[in-house]
Amino acid sequence: MGGFIGCVGFRDISLQRRLEMVRSAVNDCALSEVFQDERAVLGNRLFAANENEEQKPFVDKDSGLVLVFSGRLFNFLELRTRLESHGHRFCTQTQSEIVVKAFLQWGKDSLTFFRGMFAFALYNPESQSVFFARDRLGIKPLFYFSTPEGCVFASTLAALLQFEWIDRKICLPAFSHYLTTTRIVLGEKTLVQDVFSLQPGEYGEKIWRFVSNL
């Protein structure tokens, strides 16, 4: 299965260093694509079993929105037809583009139309924000670490821990839960104290404003 990882903000850490850590998290993949600008680095990873699938950060040329996505929409053909009836035109056959166009059409209400298993992060360079969402059953995971300076997120806990500024301090309640259930999450808590799990059916948006040093 494919996955994703991203970093937005943390302007005190060089873009090159952020890029290195994202690339390090995808080094076990047959194919990886990375999007970067001065504020963000986002990567999709594609394992060998999925070589024929197009999974990479999708950039919408009209809006500038950037999506990293893991999972499948079972009603994607129906959604595409519905979006076309609203005047949207598609450049690819990917489900990622359908997610972006749906968000442009309906905003967060687009989630009510999605039928499937998914987790995604949608980066808006203009508003300097990231919108996160996860399917209702929580089949696809999404982990994140957030501070006032920025946010890192990934579809696996191990990938997220590639970022060296995340404290590896153990969350004791989650660790106790893991010992009895082998599950690495307890509600929104994870085995790592400062890393959290987006809950099934949960969504949210985080915004970081940066002022140029003129």
N, C-alpha and C. Protein backbone atom coordinates (compact mmCIF):
# COMPACT_ATOMS: atom_id res chain seq x y z
N MET A 1 0.83 -1.19 0.00
CA MET A 1 0.00 0.00 0.00
C MET A 1 0.88 1.25 0.00
N GLY A 2 0.39 2.32 -0.56
CA GLY A 2 1.12 3.57 -0.57
C GLY A 2 0.92 4.32 0.74
N GLY A 3 1.66 5.40 0.91
CA GLY A 3 1.53 6.21 2.10
C GLY A 3 2.01 7.61 1.81
N PHE A 4 2.04 8.46 2.84
CA PHE A 4 2.47 9.84 2.63
C PHE A 4 3.12 10.39 3.87
N ILE A 5 3.81 11.51 3.69
CA ILE A 5 4.47 12.21 4.78
C ILE A 5 4.59 13.66 4.37
N GLY A 6 4.57 14.56 5.34
CA GLY A 6 4.68 15.97 5.02
C GLY A 6 5.15 16.80 6.18
N CYS A 7 5.68 17.95 5.85
CA CYS A 7 6.17 18.91 6.84
C CYS A 7 5.80 20.30 6.36
N VAL A 8 5.10 21.05 7.20
CA VAL A 8 4.73 22.43 6.87
C VAL A 8 5.18 23.33 8.01
N GLY A 9 5.90 24.38 7.66
CA GLY A 9 6.37 25.30 8.68
C GLY A 9 7.79 24.99 9.12
N PHE A 10 8.08 25.26 10.40
CA PHE A 10 9.43 25.07 10.96
C PHE A 10 10.47 25.83 10.14
N ARG A 11 10.23 27.12 9.97
CA ARG A 11 11.09 27.94 9.12
C ARG A 11 12.52 28.04 9.64
N ASP A 12 12.74 27.76 10.95
CA ASP A 12 14.09 27.83 11.49
C ASP A 12 14.94 26.63 11.08
N ILE A 13 14.29 25.60 10.52
CA ILE A 13 15.02 24.43 10.01
C ILE A 13 15.10 24.56 8.50
N SER A 14 16.27 24.39 7.95
CA SER A 14 16.47 24.64 6.52
C SER A 14 15.57 23.74 5.67
N LEU A 15 15.16 24.27 4.53
CA LEU A 15 14.35 23.49 3.60
C LEU A 15 15.08 22.23 3.18
N GLN A 16 16.39 22.32 2.98
CA GLN A 16 17.16 21.16 2.57
C GLN A 16 17.10 20.07 3.63
N ARG A 17 17.16 20.45 4.92
CA ARG A 17 17.11 19.45 5.99
C ARG A 17 15.73 18.81 6.05
N ARG A 18 14.68 19.62 5.90
CA ARG A 18 13.33 19.08 5.89
C ARG A 18 13.15 18.11 4.72
N LEU A 19 13.70 18.49 3.57
CA LEU A 19 13.60 17.63 2.39
C LEU A 19 14.33 16.32 2.62
N GLU A 20 15.49 16.37 3.24
CA GLU A 20 16.26 15.15 3.52
C GLU A 20 15.48 14.19 4.41
N MET A 21 14.78 14.74 5.41
CA MET A 21 14.04 13.87 6.32
C MET A 21 12.82 13.26 5.65
N VAL A 22 12.17 14.01 4.78
CA VAL A 22 11.05 13.44 4.03
C VAL A 22 11.54 12.35 3.11
N ARG A 23 12.63 12.60 2.41
CA ARG A 23 13.17 11.58 1.51
C ARG A 23 13.64 10.35 2.28
N SER A 24 14.17 10.54 3.46
CA SER A 24 14.59 9.40 4.28
C SER A 24 13.42 8.51 4.62
N ALA A 25 12.24 9.10 4.80
CA ALA A 25 11.06 8.32 5.16
C ALA A 25 10.50 7.53 4.00
N VAL A 26 10.89 7.85 2.77
CA VAL A 26 10.38 7.13 1.61
C VAL A 26 11.46 6.29 0.95
N ASN A 27 12.59 6.06 1.65
CA ASN A 27 13.71 5.38 1.01
C ASN A 27 13.51 3.88 0.83
N ASP A 28 12.41 3.33 1.39
CA ASP A 28 12.15 1.90 1.22
C ASP A 28 11.12 1.64 0.13
N CYS A 29 10.89 2.63 -0.72
CA CYS A 29 9.81 2.53 -1.70
C CYS A 29 10.37 2.39 -3.11
N ALA A 30 9.58 1.76 -3.95
CA ALA A 30 9.98 1.59 -5.34
C ALA A 30 9.96 2.91 -6.09
N LEU A 31 9.09 3.81 -5.68
CA LEU A 31 8.95 5.09 -6.36
C LEU A 31 8.51 6.12 -5.35
N SER A 32 9.09 7.28 -5.39
CA SER A 32 8.63 8.34 -4.51
C SER A 32 8.67 9.66 -5.25
N GLU A 33 7.71 10.52 -4.97
CA GLU A 33 7.64 11.85 -5.54
C GLU A 33 7.51 12.83 -4.41
N VAL A 34 8.15 13.98 -4.54
CA VAL A 34 8.14 14.97 -3.48
C VAL A 34 7.76 16.33 -4.06
N PHE A 35 6.87 17.04 -3.35
CA PHE A 35 6.55 18.43 -3.65
C PHE A 35 7.24 19.29 -2.62
N GLN A 36 7.76 20.44 -3.04
CA GLN A 36 8.36 21.35 -2.08
C GLN A 36 8.18 22.79 -2.52
N ASP A 37 7.97 23.66 -1.54
CA ASP A 37 8.08 25.09 -1.74
C ASP A 37 8.79 25.64 -0.51
N GLU A 38 8.81 26.95 -0.33
CA GLU A 38 9.59 27.51 0.77
C GLU A 38 9.03 27.17 2.15
N ARG A 39 7.75 26.76 2.21
CA ARG A 39 7.13 26.48 3.50
C ARG A 39 6.89 25.00 3.76
N ALA A 40 6.81 24.20 2.70
CA ALA A 40 6.34 22.82 2.88
C ALA A 40 7.12 21.83 2.03
N VAL A 41 7.18 20.61 2.55
CA VAL A 41 7.70 19.46 1.81
C VAL A 41 6.69 18.34 2.00
N LEU A 42 6.17 17.78 0.91
CA LEU A 42 5.20 16.70 0.99
C LEU A 42 5.62 15.58 0.05
N GLY A 43 5.49 14.34 0.53
CA GLY A 43 5.87 13.20 -0.29
C GLY A 43 4.85 12.09 -0.22
N ASN A 44 4.64 11.44 -1.35
CA ASN A 44 3.88 10.20 -1.41
C ASN A 44 4.88 9.08 -1.62
N ARG A 45 4.58 7.93 -1.08
CA ARG A 45 5.45 6.79 -1.31
C ARG A 45 4.64 5.65 -1.89
N LEU A 46 5.27 4.93 -2.80
CA LEU A 46 4.60 3.89 -3.56
C LEU A 46 5.43 2.63 -3.49
N PHE A 47 4.88 1.58 -2.93
CA PHE A 47 5.62 0.34 -2.79
C PHE A 47 5.58 -0.47 -4.07
N ALA A 48 6.50 -1.41 -4.21
CA ALA A 48 6.68 -2.14 -5.46
C ALA A 48 5.40 -2.81 -5.95
N ALA A 49 4.57 -3.28 -5.05
CA ALA A 49 3.35 -3.97 -5.44
C ALA A 49 2.38 -3.07 -6.19
N ASN A 50 2.57 -1.73 -6.06
CA ASN A 50 1.65 -0.78 -6.67
C ASN A 50 2.29 0.03 -7.78
N GLU A 51 3.26 -0.53 -8.47
CA GLU A 51 4.02 0.22 -9.45
C GLU A 51 3.15 0.85 -10.53
N ASN A 52 2.02 0.21 -10.84
CA ASN A 52 1.19 0.71 -11.92
C ASN A 52 0.20 1.79 -11.48
N GLU A 53 0.16 2.11 -10.20
CA GLU A 53 -0.73 3.14 -9.72
C GLU A 53 0.00 4.47 -9.69
N GLU A 54 -0.73 5.53 -9.99
CA GLU A 54 -0.14 6.86 -9.90
C GLU A 54 -0.43 7.42 -8.53
N GLN A 55 0.57 7.45 -7.67
CA GLN A 55 0.41 8.01 -6.35
C GLN A 55 1.58 8.95 -6.11
N LYS A 56 1.31 10.21 -6.16
CA LYS A 56 2.31 11.23 -5.90
C LYS A 56 1.57 12.48 -5.45
N PRO A 57 2.28 13.43 -4.87
CA PRO A 57 1.59 14.66 -4.50
C PRO A 57 0.90 15.25 -5.74
N PHE A 58 -0.40 15.42 -5.63
CA PHE A 58 -1.15 15.98 -6.76
C PHE A 58 -1.25 17.49 -6.59
N VAL A 59 -0.84 18.21 -7.62
CA VAL A 59 -0.88 19.67 -7.61
C VAL A 59 -1.94 20.13 -8.60
N ASP A 60 -2.96 20.82 -8.10
CA ASP A 60 -4.00 21.36 -8.97
C ASP A 60 -3.50 22.65 -9.61
N LYS A 61 -3.39 22.66 -10.91
CA LYS A 61 -2.79 23.79 -11.61
C LYS A 61 -3.59 25.08 -11.45
N ASP A 62 -4.90 24.96 -11.34
CA ASP A 62 -5.74 26.15 -11.25
C ASP A 62 -5.74 26.78 -9.86
N SER A 63 -5.89 25.95 -8.83
CA SER A 63 -6.00 26.47 -7.46
C SER A 63 -4.67 26.50 -6.72
N GLY A 64 -3.71 25.67 -7.15
CA GLY A 64 -2.44 25.56 -6.44
C GLY A 64 -2.48 24.60 -5.26
N LEU A 65 -3.64 24.00 -4.97
CA LEU A 65 -3.75 23.05 -3.86
C LEU A 65 -2.89 21.82 -4.12
N VAL A 66 -2.29 21.29 -3.05
CA VAL A 66 -1.43 20.11 -3.14
C VAL A 66 -1.98 19.03 -2.22
N LEU A 67 -2.17 17.84 -2.76
CA LEU A 67 -2.77 16.75 -1.99
C LEU A 67 -1.81 15.57 -1.89
N VAL A 68 -1.69 15.02 -0.66
CA VAL A 68 -1.10 13.69 -0.49
C VAL A 68 -2.21 12.81 0.07
N PHE A 69 -2.33 11.62 -0.50
CA PHE A 69 -3.53 10.81 -0.30
C PHE A 69 -3.15 9.34 -0.20
N SER A 70 -3.82 8.65 0.72
CA SER A 70 -3.66 7.20 0.84
C SER A 70 -5.04 6.58 0.91
N GLY A 71 -5.28 5.55 0.09
CA GLY A 71 -6.56 4.85 0.15
C GLY A 71 -7.28 4.81 -1.18
N ARG A 72 -8.60 4.57 -1.11
CA ARG A 72 -9.42 4.45 -2.31
C ARG A 72 -10.82 5.00 -2.05
N LEU A 73 -11.36 5.64 -3.08
CA LEU A 73 -12.76 6.05 -3.07
C LEU A 73 -13.52 5.07 -3.97
N PHE A 74 -14.48 4.37 -3.39
CA PHE A 74 -15.20 3.37 -4.17
C PHE A 74 -16.20 4.00 -5.12
N ASN A 75 -16.62 5.22 -4.85
CA ASN A 75 -17.60 5.90 -5.71
C ASN A 75 -16.95 7.01 -6.54
N PHE A 76 -15.67 6.83 -6.90
CA PHE A 76 -14.96 7.91 -7.59
C PHE A 76 -15.55 8.23 -8.97
N LEU A 77 -16.06 7.22 -9.68
CA LEU A 77 -16.65 7.49 -10.99
C LEU A 77 -17.91 8.34 -10.87
N GLU A 78 -18.72 8.01 -9.88
CA GLU A 78 -19.93 8.80 -9.62
C GLU A 78 -19.57 10.24 -9.25
N LEU A 79 -18.55 10.41 -8.42
CA LEU A 79 -18.12 11.74 -8.01
C LEU A 79 -17.57 12.53 -9.19
N ARG A 80 -16.82 11.86 -10.03
CA ARG A 80 -16.25 12.55 -11.19
C ARG A 80 -17.36 13.08 -12.10
N THR A 81 -18.37 12.23 -12.35
CA THR A 81 -19.49 12.66 -13.19
C THR A 81 -20.22 13.84 -12.57
N ARG A 82 -20.42 13.79 -11.27
CA ARG A 82 -21.12 14.86 -10.58
C ARG A 82 -20.32 16.16 -10.63
N LEU A 83 -19.03 16.07 -10.47
CA LEU A 83 -18.18 17.26 -10.52
C LEU A 83 -18.12 17.84 -11.93
N GLU A 84 -18.10 16.98 -12.91
CA GLU A 84 -18.13 17.46 -14.30
C GLU A 84 -19.41 18.22 -14.58
N SER A 85 -20.50 17.80 -13.97
CA SER A 85 -21.77 18.51 -14.16
C SER A 85 -21.74 19.90 -13.54
N HIS A 86 -20.81 20.11 -12.61
CA HIS A 86 -20.62 21.44 -12.00
C HIS A 86 -19.59 22.26 -12.77
N GLY A 87 -19.09 21.73 -13.86
CA GLY A 87 -18.16 22.48 -14.69
C GLY A 87 -16.69 22.18 -14.48
N HIS A 88 -16.37 21.22 -13.62
CA HIS A 88 -14.96 20.88 -13.40
C HIS A 88 -14.43 20.03 -14.55
N ARG A 89 -13.20 20.29 -14.92
CA ARG A 89 -12.53 19.53 -15.98
C ARG A 89 -11.32 18.84 -15.38
N PHE A 90 -11.10 17.60 -15.80
CA PHE A 90 -10.04 16.78 -15.22
C PHE A 90 -8.88 16.61 -16.18
N CYS A 91 -7.68 16.65 -15.60
CA CYS A 91 -6.45 16.48 -16.38
C CYS A 91 -5.87 15.08 -16.25
N THR A 92 -6.32 14.31 -15.25
CA THR A 92 -5.79 12.98 -15.01
C THR A 92 -6.95 12.02 -14.73
N GLN A 93 -6.60 10.76 -14.55
CA GLN A 93 -7.58 9.73 -14.18
C GLN A 93 -7.48 9.37 -12.69
N THR A 94 -6.76 10.17 -11.92
CA THR A 94 -6.48 9.82 -10.54
C THR A 94 -7.62 10.18 -9.60
N GLN A 95 -7.72 9.42 -8.52
CA GLN A 95 -8.68 9.74 -7.48
C GLN A 95 -8.24 10.97 -6.69
N SER A 96 -6.95 11.23 -6.67
CA SER A 96 -6.45 12.42 -5.98
C SER A 96 -7.06 13.68 -6.58
N GLU A 97 -7.15 13.74 -7.88
CA GLU A 97 -7.72 14.92 -8.52
C GLU A 97 -9.20 15.06 -8.16
N ILE A 98 -9.90 13.94 -8.03
CA ILE A 98 -11.31 13.99 -7.64
C ILE A 98 -11.46 14.56 -6.24
N VAL A 99 -10.57 14.16 -5.32
CA VAL A 99 -10.61 14.69 -3.96
C VAL A 99 -10.42 16.20 -3.97
N VAL A 100 -9.44 16.68 -4.73
CA VAL A 100 -9.17 18.11 -4.78
C VAL A 100 -10.34 18.88 -5.39
N LYS A 101 -10.86 18.41 -6.51
CA LYS A 101 -11.98 19.10 -7.16
C LYS A 101 -13.21 19.09 -6.25
N ALA A 102 -13.43 18.00 -5.54
CA ALA A 102 -14.56 17.93 -4.61
C ALA A 102 -14.39 18.96 -3.50
N PHE A 103 -13.18 19.11 -3.00
CA PHE A 103 -12.93 20.09 -1.95
C PHE A 103 -13.13 21.50 -2.48
N LEU A 104 -12.73 21.76 -3.70
CA LEU A 104 -12.95 23.08 -4.29
C LEU A 104 -14.43 23.38 -4.46
N GLN A 105 -15.22 22.34 -4.74
CA GLN A 105 -16.64 22.52 -4.96
C GLN A 105 -17.42 22.65 -3.65
N TRP A 106 -17.12 21.79 -2.68
CA TRP A 106 -17.95 21.70 -1.48
C TRP A 106 -17.21 22.00 -0.17
N GLY A 107 -15.92 22.24 -0.23
CA GLY A 107 -15.17 22.45 1.00
C GLY A 107 -15.18 21.21 1.87
N LYS A 108 -15.20 21.38 3.19
CA LYS A 108 -15.16 20.22 4.10
C LYS A 108 -16.39 19.34 3.94
N ASP A 109 -17.48 19.89 3.40
CA ASP A 109 -18.69 19.07 3.19
C ASP A 109 -18.46 17.98 2.14
N SER A 110 -17.38 18.09 1.37
CA SER A 110 -17.06 17.06 0.38
C SER A 110 -16.87 15.70 1.05
N LEU A 111 -16.46 15.70 2.31
CA LEU A 111 -16.23 14.44 3.02
C LEU A 111 -17.49 13.60 3.12
N THR A 112 -18.65 14.25 3.12
CA THR A 112 -19.90 13.50 3.22
C THR A 112 -20.20 12.72 1.94
N PHE A 113 -19.52 13.07 0.85
CA PHE A 113 -19.74 12.39 -0.42
C PHE A 113 -18.78 11.22 -0.64
N PHE A 114 -17.72 11.16 0.15
CA PHE A 114 -16.69 10.15 -0.07
C PHE A 114 -17.12 8.81 0.53
N ARG A 115 -17.03 7.76 -0.27
CA ARG A 115 -17.31 6.40 0.17
C ARG A 115 -16.05 5.58 -0.05
N GLY A 116 -15.40 5.19 1.03
CA GLY A 116 -14.18 4.42 0.86
C GLY A 116 -13.33 4.45 2.11
N MET A 117 -12.06 4.10 1.92
CA MET A 117 -11.09 4.13 3.02
C MET A 117 -9.98 5.08 2.60
N PHE A 118 -9.71 6.07 3.43
CA PHE A 118 -8.77 7.10 3.00
C PHE A 118 -8.26 7.91 4.19
N ALA A 119 -7.12 8.51 3.98
CA ALA A 119 -6.58 9.56 4.83
C ALA A 119 -5.84 10.50 3.89
N PHE A 120 -5.93 11.79 4.14
CA PHE A 120 -5.23 12.72 3.25
C PHE A 120 -4.90 14.02 3.97
N ALA A 121 -3.96 14.75 3.37
CA ALA A 121 -3.61 16.09 3.81
C ALA A 121 -3.62 16.98 2.57
N LEU A 122 -4.30 18.11 2.67
CA LEU A 122 -4.44 19.04 1.55
C LEU A 122 -3.79 20.36 1.94
N TYR A 123 -2.72 20.70 1.25
CA TYR A 123 -1.93 21.89 1.55
C TYR A 123 -2.34 23.03 0.63
N ASN A 124 -2.61 24.20 1.23
CA ASN A 124 -2.96 25.39 0.47
C ASN A 124 -1.84 26.41 0.62
N PRO A 125 -0.99 26.57 -0.39
CA PRO A 125 0.14 27.51 -0.27
C PRO A 125 -0.31 28.95 -0.06
N GLU A 126 -1.45 29.32 -0.62
CA GLU A 126 -1.90 30.71 -0.51
C GLU A 126 -2.31 31.06 0.92
N SER A 127 -3.09 30.20 1.56
CA SER A 127 -3.53 30.47 2.93
C SER A 127 -2.56 29.92 3.96
N GLN A 128 -1.53 29.21 3.51
CA GLN A 128 -0.53 28.61 4.39
C GLN A 128 -1.19 27.69 5.41
N SER A 129 -2.07 26.83 4.91
CA SER A 129 -2.84 25.94 5.79
C SER A 129 -2.78 24.51 5.28
N VAL A 130 -3.09 23.58 6.18
CA VAL A 130 -3.21 22.17 5.83
C VAL A 130 -4.53 21.66 6.37
N PHE A 131 -5.29 20.99 5.51
CA PHE A 131 -6.56 20.37 5.91
C PHE A 131 -6.34 18.86 5.95
N PHE A 132 -6.67 18.24 7.10
CA PHE A 132 -6.50 16.80 7.29
C PHE A 132 -7.86 16.12 7.35
N ALA A 133 -7.94 14.89 6.86
CA ALA A 133 -9.18 14.13 7.00
C ALA A 133 -8.89 12.64 6.97
N ARG A 134 -9.81 11.89 7.60
CA ARG A 134 -9.67 10.43 7.70
C ARG A 134 -11.05 9.79 7.53
N ASP A 135 -11.10 8.60 6.94
CA ASP A 135 -12.38 7.95 6.68
C ASP A 135 -13.11 7.61 7.97
N ARG A 136 -14.42 7.40 7.85
CA ARG A 136 -15.29 7.23 9.02
C ARG A 136 -14.92 6.02 9.87
N LEU A 137 -14.46 4.95 9.22
CA LEU A 137 -14.13 3.74 9.97
C LEU A 137 -12.69 3.73 10.48
N GLY A 138 -11.92 4.71 10.05
CA GLY A 138 -10.54 4.78 10.52
C GLY A 138 -9.65 3.69 9.97
N ILE A 139 -9.97 3.23 8.75
CA ILE A 139 -9.16 2.16 8.15
C ILE A 139 -7.76 2.67 7.82
N LYS A 140 -7.69 3.87 7.28
CA LYS A 140 -6.40 4.46 6.94
C LYS A 140 -5.96 5.42 8.05
N PRO A 141 -4.76 5.24 8.58
CA PRO A 141 -4.31 6.08 9.70
C PRO A 141 -3.70 7.41 9.23
N LEU A 142 -3.65 8.36 10.18
CA LEU A 142 -2.96 9.63 9.95
C LEU A 142 -2.43 10.10 11.30
N PHE A 143 -1.12 10.25 11.39
CA PHE A 143 -0.46 10.68 12.61
C PHE A 143 0.11 12.08 12.40
N TYR A 144 0.17 12.87 13.48
CA TYR A 144 0.68 14.23 13.33
C TYR A 144 1.35 14.72 14.62
N PHE A 145 2.25 15.67 14.42
CA PHE A 145 2.94 16.37 15.50
C PHE A 145 2.84 17.85 15.17
N SER A 146 2.34 18.65 16.10
CA SER A 146 2.07 20.05 15.79
C SER A 146 2.57 20.97 16.89
N THR A 147 3.16 22.10 16.49
CA THR A 147 3.57 23.15 17.41
C THR A 147 3.17 24.48 16.77
N PRO A 148 3.31 25.60 17.47
CA PRO A 148 3.02 26.89 16.84
C PRO A 148 3.91 27.18 15.63
N GLU A 149 5.05 26.49 15.53
CA GLU A 149 5.98 26.74 14.42
C GLU A 149 5.66 25.92 13.18
N GLY A 150 4.86 24.86 13.32
CA GLY A 150 4.57 24.04 12.15
C GLY A 150 4.00 22.69 12.52
N CYS A 151 3.91 21.84 11.51
CA CYS A 151 3.30 20.53 11.71
C CYS A 151 3.97 19.52 10.79
N VAL A 152 4.15 18.31 11.29
CA VAL A 152 4.57 17.19 10.46
C VAL A 152 3.50 16.11 10.58
N PHE A 153 3.30 15.36 9.53
CA PHE A 153 2.24 14.37 9.51
C PHE A 153 2.64 13.22 8.59
N ALA A 154 2.05 12.05 8.83
CA ALA A 154 2.40 10.89 8.02
C ALA A 154 1.34 9.82 8.20
N SER A 155 1.36 8.86 7.29
CA SER A 155 0.41 7.75 7.35
C SER A 155 0.91 6.61 8.22
N THR A 156 2.15 6.69 8.72
CA THR A 156 2.65 5.71 9.69
C THR A 156 3.42 6.44 10.78
N LEU A 157 3.40 5.87 11.96
CA LEU A 157 4.13 6.46 13.08
C LEU A 157 5.63 6.40 12.84
N ALA A 158 6.11 5.32 12.28
CA ALA A 158 7.54 5.16 12.02
C ALA A 158 8.06 6.23 11.07
N ALA A 159 7.29 6.55 10.04
CA ALA A 159 7.70 7.59 9.09
C ALA A 159 7.78 8.94 9.78
N LEU A 160 6.82 9.23 10.66
CA LEU A 160 6.80 10.52 11.34
C LEU A 160 8.04 10.70 12.20
N LEU A 161 8.53 9.61 12.78
CA LEU A 161 9.67 9.71 13.68
C LEU A 161 10.99 9.93 12.95
N GLN A 162 10.95 10.04 11.62
CA GLN A 162 12.14 10.44 10.87
C GLN A 162 12.51 11.89 11.20
N PHE A 163 11.54 12.67 11.68
CA PHE A 163 11.82 14.07 11.99
C PHE A 163 12.50 14.16 13.36
N GLU A 164 13.73 14.64 13.34
CA GLU A 164 14.60 14.53 14.51
C GLU A 164 14.17 15.44 15.66
N TRP A 165 13.34 16.44 15.41
CA TRP A 165 12.95 17.33 16.50
C TRP A 165 11.75 16.82 17.30
N ILE A 166 11.22 15.65 16.96
CA ILE A 166 10.13 15.07 17.73
C ILE A 166 10.73 14.28 18.91
N ASP A 167 10.33 14.66 20.11
CA ASP A 167 10.79 13.97 21.32
C ASP A 167 10.19 12.56 21.35
N ARG A 168 11.03 11.55 21.55
CA ARG A 168 10.57 10.15 21.56
C ARG A 168 10.04 9.72 22.91
N LYS A 169 9.72 10.62 23.78
CA LYS A 169 9.24 10.25 25.11
C LYS A 169 7.96 9.41 25.01
N ILE A 170 7.93 8.31 25.75
CA ILE A 170 6.82 7.37 25.69
C ILE A 170 5.58 7.93 26.42
N CYS A 171 4.43 7.73 25.80
CA CYS A 171 3.16 8.04 26.45
C CYS A 171 2.75 6.81 27.27
N LEU A 172 2.81 6.90 28.58
CA LEU A 172 2.61 5.74 29.43
C LEU A 172 1.21 5.12 29.32
N PRO A 173 0.13 5.91 29.28
CA PRO A 173 -1.20 5.28 29.12
C PRO A 173 -1.31 4.51 27.81
N ALA A 174 -0.78 5.08 26.73
CA ALA A 174 -0.83 4.39 25.44
C ALA A 174 0.05 3.15 25.44
N PHE A 175 1.19 3.23 26.11
CA PHE A 175 2.08 2.07 26.19
C PHE A 175 1.43 0.94 26.97
N SER A 176 0.77 1.26 28.07
CA SER A 176 0.06 0.25 28.85
C SER A 176 -1.04 -0.39 28.01
N HIS A 177 -1.74 0.44 27.23
CA HIS A 177 -2.79 -0.06 26.33
C HIS A 177 -2.19 -0.99 25.27
N TYR A 178 -1.02 -0.63 24.76
CA TYR A 178 -0.34 -1.45 23.74
C TYR A 178 0.03 -2.83 24.30
N LEU A 179 0.49 -2.88 25.55
CA LEU A 179 0.91 -4.15 26.15
C LEU A 179 -0.25 -5.13 26.28
N THR A 180 -1.45 -4.62 26.43
CA THR A 180 -2.61 -5.50 26.61
C THR A 180 -3.41 -5.74 25.33
N THR A 181 -3.23 -4.86 24.32
CA THR A 181 -4.03 -4.99 23.10
C THR A 181 -3.21 -5.06 21.82
N THR A 182 -1.92 -4.72 21.89
CA THR A 182 -0.99 -4.58 20.75
C THR A 182 -1.41 -3.45 19.80
N ARG A 183 -2.29 -2.58 20.24
CA ARG A 183 -2.68 -1.42 19.43
C ARG A 183 -1.84 -0.22 19.84
N ILE A 184 -1.34 0.51 18.83
CA ILE A 184 -0.41 1.61 19.11
C ILE A 184 -1.12 2.92 19.38
N VAL A 185 -2.46 2.94 19.33
CA VAL A 185 -3.19 4.17 19.62
C VAL A 185 -4.20 3.93 20.73
N LEU A 186 -4.41 4.95 21.53
CA LEU A 186 -5.42 4.95 22.59
C LEU A 186 -6.19 6.25 22.42
N GLY A 187 -7.33 6.19 21.71
CA GLY A 187 -8.00 7.43 21.34
C GLY A 187 -7.10 8.21 20.40
N GLU A 188 -6.85 9.46 20.73
CA GLU A 188 -5.95 10.27 19.91
C GLU A 188 -4.49 10.10 20.32
N LYS A 189 -4.24 9.44 21.45
CA LYS A 189 -2.88 9.26 21.93
C LYS A 189 -2.18 8.13 21.18
N THR A 190 -0.85 8.25 21.08
CA THR A 190 -0.02 7.20 20.48
C THR A 190 1.07 6.83 21.46
N LEU A 191 1.92 5.90 21.06
CA LEU A 191 3.03 5.49 21.92
C LEU A 191 4.01 6.62 22.20
N VAL A 192 4.02 7.64 21.33
CA VAL A 192 4.90 8.79 21.50
C VAL A 192 4.08 9.95 22.07
N GLN A 193 4.55 10.52 23.15
CA GLN A 193 3.75 11.45 23.94
C GLN A 193 3.23 12.65 23.13
N ASP A 194 4.07 13.20 22.25
CA ASP A 194 3.69 14.42 21.53
C ASP A 194 3.15 14.16 20.13
N VAL A 195 2.96 12.90 19.78
CA VAL A 195 2.41 12.54 18.47
C VAL A 195 0.99 12.04 18.67
N PHE A 196 0.09 12.51 17.81
CA PHE A 196 -1.32 12.17 17.96
C PHE A 196 -1.87 11.52 16.69
N SER A 197 -2.98 10.82 16.87
CA SER A 197 -3.65 10.15 15.76
C SER A 197 -4.95 10.87 15.45
N LEU A 198 -5.16 11.22 14.19
CA LEU A 198 -6.45 11.74 13.79
C LEU A 198 -7.48 10.64 13.96
N GLN A 199 -8.61 10.95 14.56
CA GLN A 199 -9.62 9.95 14.88
C GLN A 199 -10.46 9.57 13.66
N PRO A 200 -11.06 8.38 13.64
CA PRO A 200 -11.93 7.98 12.52
C PRO A 200 -13.02 9.03 12.27
N GLY A 201 -13.15 9.43 11.00
CA GLY A 201 -14.15 10.41 10.63
C GLY A 201 -13.81 11.83 11.02
N GLU A 202 -12.64 12.05 11.59
CA GLU A 202 -12.25 13.39 12.05
C GLU A 202 -11.58 14.16 10.93
N TYR A 203 -11.72 15.48 10.97
CA TYR A 203 -11.02 16.35 10.05
C TYR A 203 -10.65 17.62 10.78
N GLY A 204 -9.73 18.37 10.21
CA GLY A 204 -9.33 19.62 10.84
C GLY A 204 -8.39 20.39 9.95
N GLU A 205 -8.17 21.64 10.31
CA GLU A 205 -7.30 22.51 9.53
C GLU A 205 -6.36 23.24 10.46
N LYS A 206 -5.11 23.35 10.04
CA LYS A 206 -4.12 24.09 10.80
C LYS A 206 -3.50 25.13 9.88
N ILE A 207 -3.27 26.31 10.43
CA ILE A 207 -2.78 27.44 9.63
C ILE A 207 -1.51 27.98 10.28
N TRP A 208 -0.50 28.26 9.47
CA TRP A 208 0.73 28.89 9.92
C TRP A 208 0.99 30.11 9.04
N ARG A 209 1.18 31.25 9.66
CA ARG A 209 1.48 32.48 8.94
C ARG A 209 2.96 32.80 9.11
N PHE A 210 3.61 33.10 8.01
CA PHE A 210 5.03 33.43 8.05
C PHE A 210 5.23 34.82 7.48
N VAL A 211 6.02 35.64 8.17
CA VAL A 211 6.32 36.98 7.71
C VAL A 211 7.75 36.99 7.20
N SER A 212 7.94 37.51 6.00
CA SER A 212 9.28 37.55 5.41
C SER A 212 10.21 38.43 6.24
N ASN A 213 11.45 38.01 6.33
CA ASN A 213 12.45 38.80 7.02
C ASN A 213 13.06 39.80 6.03
N LEU A 214 12.43 40.96 5.91
CA LEU A 214 12.89 41.97 4.95
C LEU A 214 13.88 42.91 5.61
